[in-house]
């Protein structure tokens, strides 16, 4: 089958699109904060979906009046999260792995562009056996500005050898959608109704299940 396309590459966000990690981030944040007899609500935490953990912890410690270095928060939360992953493993978003494999089989270049550290991106794609599907893995932590800035998506496009307007992004967070649109890319928004209430404004198409994203839909951009 020949892909007659304007879209030359597909870029996946990771957390909340490939792997169901967003609820875990919230649980981990509160486990860390419990050390200081503090907590945050799910509604408060949702504003940080898709963004940098450093920004979340800076904003949160200031809001709660905690005099804790951001680096200590990130390190402490990461340790808790890594323990949970060792005990429970990763859970894939239903439909995401099949979609990745189908696009890869079509010969379309694929990338991951995530706010997570590169080490975790590699762990996830290896865990699910899909590393070979991706030409490029890009971490927002290796970019000057995190989402909602467009840096991570623009870097992915450069490494893929594709123009931004030829890239299709699959995102689940407001911060990620904003970053992708600022990069000048087409965006399919995955609204996971079980996890968070993300508006996903300005996306080109919205689905409520990753199973609803088909090759035909991707080809339509």
Protein backbone atom coordinates (compact mmCIF):
# COMPACT_ATOMS: atom_id res chain seq x y z
CA UNK A 1 0.00 0.00 0.00
CA UNK A 2 1.38 3.43 -0.94
CA UNK A 3 0.91 6.24 1.56
CA UNK A 4 -0.04 9.22 -0.61
CA UNK A 5 0.34 11.93 1.95
CA UNK A 6 0.94 15.41 3.11
CA UNK A 7 1.85 13.92 6.49
CA UNK A 8 5.41 12.60 6.30
CA UNK A 9 5.90 11.56 9.94
CA UNK A 10 3.88 10.78 13.05
CA UNK A 11 5.00 11.93 16.49
CA UNK A 12 3.59 10.33 19.64
CA UNK A 13 3.51 11.83 23.08
CA UNK A 14 4.25 9.05 25.59
CA UNK A 15 2.58 9.56 28.98
CA UNK A 16 -1.15 9.19 28.57
CA UNK A 17 -0.88 8.23 24.88
CA UNK A 18 1.35 5.16 24.79
CA UNK A 19 1.49 4.32 28.48
CA UNK A 20 -1.06 4.98 31.24
CA UNK A 21 1.19 6.91 33.62
CA UNK A 22 -0.71 10.14 34.38
CA UNK A 23 -2.73 8.70 37.33
CA UNK A 24 0.52 7.31 38.73
CA UNK A 25 2.19 10.72 38.63
CA UNK A 26 -0.62 12.12 40.80
CA UNK A 27 -0.41 9.27 43.31
CA UNK A 28 3.36 9.61 43.51
CA UNK A 29 3.18 13.38 44.02
CA UNK A 30 0.86 12.94 47.00
CA UNK A 31 2.97 10.15 48.47
CA UNK A 32 5.95 12.48 48.40
CA UNK A 33 3.97 15.40 49.83
CA UNK A 34 2.63 13.18 52.63
CA UNK A 35 6.13 13.31 54.13
CA UNK A 36 5.39 16.95 54.88
CA UNK A 37 1.70 16.47 55.79
CA UNK A 38 0.61 18.11 52.55
CA UNK A 39 -1.44 17.01 49.56
CA UNK A 40 -2.89 18.28 46.28
CA UNK A 41 -6.17 17.59 44.51
CA UNK A 42 -6.53 15.75 41.23
CA UNK A 43 -8.09 18.89 39.69
CA UNK A 44 -5.06 20.96 40.70
CA UNK A 45 -2.63 18.38 39.32
CA UNK A 46 -4.35 18.17 35.93
CA UNK A 47 -3.02 21.57 34.86
CA UNK A 48 0.49 20.10 34.77
CA UNK A 49 -0.30 17.10 32.53
CA UNK A 50 2.20 16.90 29.71
CA UNK A 51 4.52 19.52 31.20
CA UNK A 52 7.85 19.45 32.97
CA UNK A 53 8.00 17.99 36.48
CA UNK A 54 10.39 20.74 37.56
CA UNK A 55 7.76 23.40 36.82
CA UNK A 56 5.08 21.39 38.62
CA UNK A 57 7.19 21.07 41.76
CA UNK A 58 8.29 24.71 41.74
CA UNK A 59 4.69 25.88 41.45
CA UNK A 60 3.40 23.35 43.99
CA UNK A 61 5.98 23.97 46.70
CA UNK A 62 5.37 27.71 46.42
CA UNK A 63 1.59 27.18 46.59
CA UNK A 64 1.91 24.95 49.67
CA UNK A 65 4.53 27.14 51.35
CA UNK A 66 7.13 24.36 51.43
CA UNK A 67 10.79 25.32 51.55
CA UNK A 68 12.08 22.32 49.60
CA UNK A 69 14.47 22.51 46.64
CA UNK A 70 12.84 21.50 43.37
CA UNK A 71 15.66 19.02 42.70
CA UNK A 72 14.88 17.24 45.99
CA UNK A 73 11.20 16.97 45.05
CA UNK A 74 11.96 15.58 41.61
CA UNK A 75 14.45 13.07 43.01
CA UNK A 76 12.17 11.96 45.84
CA UNK A 77 9.14 11.55 43.60
CA UNK A 78 11.17 9.69 40.96
CA UNK A 79 12.37 7.21 43.58
CA UNK A 80 8.78 6.51 44.68
CA UNK A 81 7.64 6.15 41.08
CA UNK A 82 10.48 3.83 40.12
CA UNK A 83 9.54 1.58 43.03
CA UNK A 84 5.92 1.45 41.83
CA UNK A 85 7.05 0.55 38.31
CA UNK A 86 9.31 -2.24 39.62
CA UNK A 87 6.34 -3.65 41.53
CA UNK A 88 3.56 -3.08 38.97
CA UNK A 89 5.20 -2.59 35.57
CA UNK A 90 3.76 -0.37 32.83
CA UNK A 91 0.19 -0.39 31.50
CA UNK A 92 -0.30 0.41 27.81
CA UNK A 93 -3.11 2.67 26.64
CA UNK A 94 -5.59 0.39 24.89
CA UNK A 95 -5.08 0.57 21.13
CA UNK A 96 -1.82 2.51 21.16
CA UNK A 97 0.59 -0.36 20.51
CA UNK A 98 -1.43 -1.70 17.57
CA UNK A 99 -1.54 1.78 16.03
CA UNK A 100 2.22 2.24 16.40
CA UNK A 101 2.93 -1.11 14.77
CA UNK A 102 0.52 -0.45 11.88
CA UNK A 103 2.06 2.95 11.10
CA UNK A 104 5.53 1.44 11.32
CA UNK A 105 4.54 -1.35 8.92
CA UNK A 106 3.47 1.33 6.42
CA UNK A 107 7.05 2.62 6.42
CA UNK A 108 6.12 5.96 7.98
CA UNK A 109 8.80 7.54 10.21
CA UNK A 110 7.78 7.63 13.87
CA UNK A 111 9.05 9.56 16.88
CA UNK A 112 8.32 9.86 20.57
CA UNK A 113 8.40 13.43 21.89
CA UNK A 114 7.84 13.36 25.64
CA UNK A 115 8.43 15.51 28.70
CA UNK A 116 9.78 12.42 30.47
CA UNK A 117 13.50 11.72 30.74
CA UNK A 118 15.10 9.83 27.85
CA UNK A 119 15.91 6.95 30.21
CA UNK A 120 12.21 6.43 30.91
CA UNK A 121 11.24 6.78 27.25
CA UNK A 122 13.70 4.01 26.46
CA UNK A 123 12.37 1.88 29.32
CA UNK A 124 8.80 2.20 28.05
CA UNK A 125 9.49 1.39 24.38
CA UNK A 126 11.69 -1.54 25.43
CA UNK A 127 9.08 -2.79 27.92
CA UNK A 128 6.44 -2.97 25.17
CA UNK A 129 8.85 -4.21 22.49
CA UNK A 130 8.29 -1.24 20.16
CA UNK A 131 11.68 0.48 20.13
CA UNK A 132 12.30 -0.70 16.55
CA UNK A 133 9.18 1.19 15.46
CA UNK A 134 10.68 4.58 16.29
CA UNK A 135 13.43 6.35 14.38
CA UNK A 136 13.64 9.11 16.99
CA UNK A 137 13.16 9.41 20.76
CA UNK A 138 13.19 12.98 22.09
CA UNK A 139 12.99 14.06 25.73
CA UNK A 140 11.79 17.52 26.69
CA UNK A 141 14.47 17.49 29.38
CA UNK A 142 17.04 17.72 26.59
CA UNK A 143 15.39 20.82 25.13
CA UNK A 144 15.83 24.41 26.21
CA UNK A 145 12.13 24.96 26.87
CA UNK A 146 9.63 22.25 27.94
CA UNK A 147 6.05 21.87 26.74
CA UNK A 148 3.96 24.00 26.17
CA UNK A 149 6.91 25.45 24.23
CA UNK A 150 7.31 23.73 20.82
CA UNK A 151 10.98 22.76 21.24
CA UNK A 152 10.55 19.01 21.73
CA UNK A 153 8.35 18.65 18.65
CA UNK A 154 10.55 20.85 16.48
CA UNK A 155 13.59 18.80 17.50
CA UNK A 156 11.75 15.58 16.62
CA UNK A 157 10.88 16.98 13.17
CA UNK A 158 14.48 17.94 12.48
CA UNK A 159 15.74 14.50 13.49
CA UNK A 160 13.07 12.84 11.35
CA UNK A 161 13.96 15.04 8.39
CA UNK A 162 10.38 16.30 8.09
CA UNK A 163 8.95 19.81 7.92
CA UNK A 164 6.72 20.71 10.90
CA UNK A 165 3.66 21.10 8.68
CA UNK A 166 4.24 17.54 7.44
CA UNK A 167 4.11 16.07 10.96
CA UNK A 168 1.06 14.62 12.70
CA UNK A 169 1.17 14.67 16.50
CA UNK A 170 -0.91 12.49 18.83
CA UNK A 171 -1.32 14.17 22.23
CA UNK A 172 -3.52 13.90 25.32
CA UNK A 173 -2.70 17.05 27.31
CA UNK A 174 -3.40 20.75 26.95
CA UNK A 175 0.31 21.52 27.37
CA UNK A 176 1.24 19.02 24.68
CA UNK A 177 -1.40 20.22 22.22
CA UNK A 178 -0.28 23.82 22.69
CA UNK A 179 3.34 22.80 22.06
CA UNK A 180 2.47 20.88 18.89
CA UNK A 181 0.31 23.66 17.44
CA UNK A 182 3.02 26.22 18.23
CA UNK A 183 5.34 23.99 16.23
CA UNK A 184 2.94 24.29 13.29
CA UNK A 185 1.91 20.64 13.30
CA UNK A 186 -1.38 18.80 12.80
CA UNK A 187 -2.71 17.31 16.04
CA UNK A 188 -5.04 14.47 16.97
CA UNK A 189 -6.14 14.91 20.56
CA UNK A 190 -6.80 11.83 22.70
CA UNK A 191 -9.28 12.80 25.40
CA UNK A 192 -8.99 10.08 28.04
CA UNK A 193 -12.23 10.53 29.99
CA UNK A 194 -11.07 8.11 32.69
CA UNK A 195 -8.02 10.17 33.60
CA UNK A 196 -8.46 13.91 33.24
CA UNK A 197 -10.63 16.70 31.90
CA UNK A 198 -8.33 18.20 29.27
CA UNK A 199 -10.00 20.65 26.87
CA UNK A 200 -7.54 20.01 24.01
CA UNK A 201 -8.42 23.26 22.29
CA UNK A 202 -7.21 23.87 18.73
CA UNK A 203 -6.66 20.19 17.87
CA UNK A 204 -7.56 19.09 14.35
CA UNK A 205 -9.46 16.02 15.52
CA UNK A 206 -10.47 14.55 18.91
CA UNK A 207 -10.94 10.90 19.86
CA UNK A 208 -11.92 9.36 23.18
CA UNK A 209 -10.23 6.03 22.42
CA UNK A 210 -6.87 5.34 20.82
CA UNK A 211 -8.66 2.57 18.91
CA UNK A 212 -10.47 5.34 16.99
CA UNK A 213 -7.21 6.52 15.44
CA UNK A 214 -6.88 4.56 12.22
CA UNK A 215 -4.44 4.65 9.32
CA UNK A 216 -7.21 6.22 7.24
CA UNK A 217 -7.65 9.00 9.78
CA UNK A 218 -3.91 9.69 9.83
CA UNK A 219 -3.86 9.79 6.03
CA UNK A 220 -6.63 12.39 5.98
CA UNK A 221 -4.34 15.22 7.17
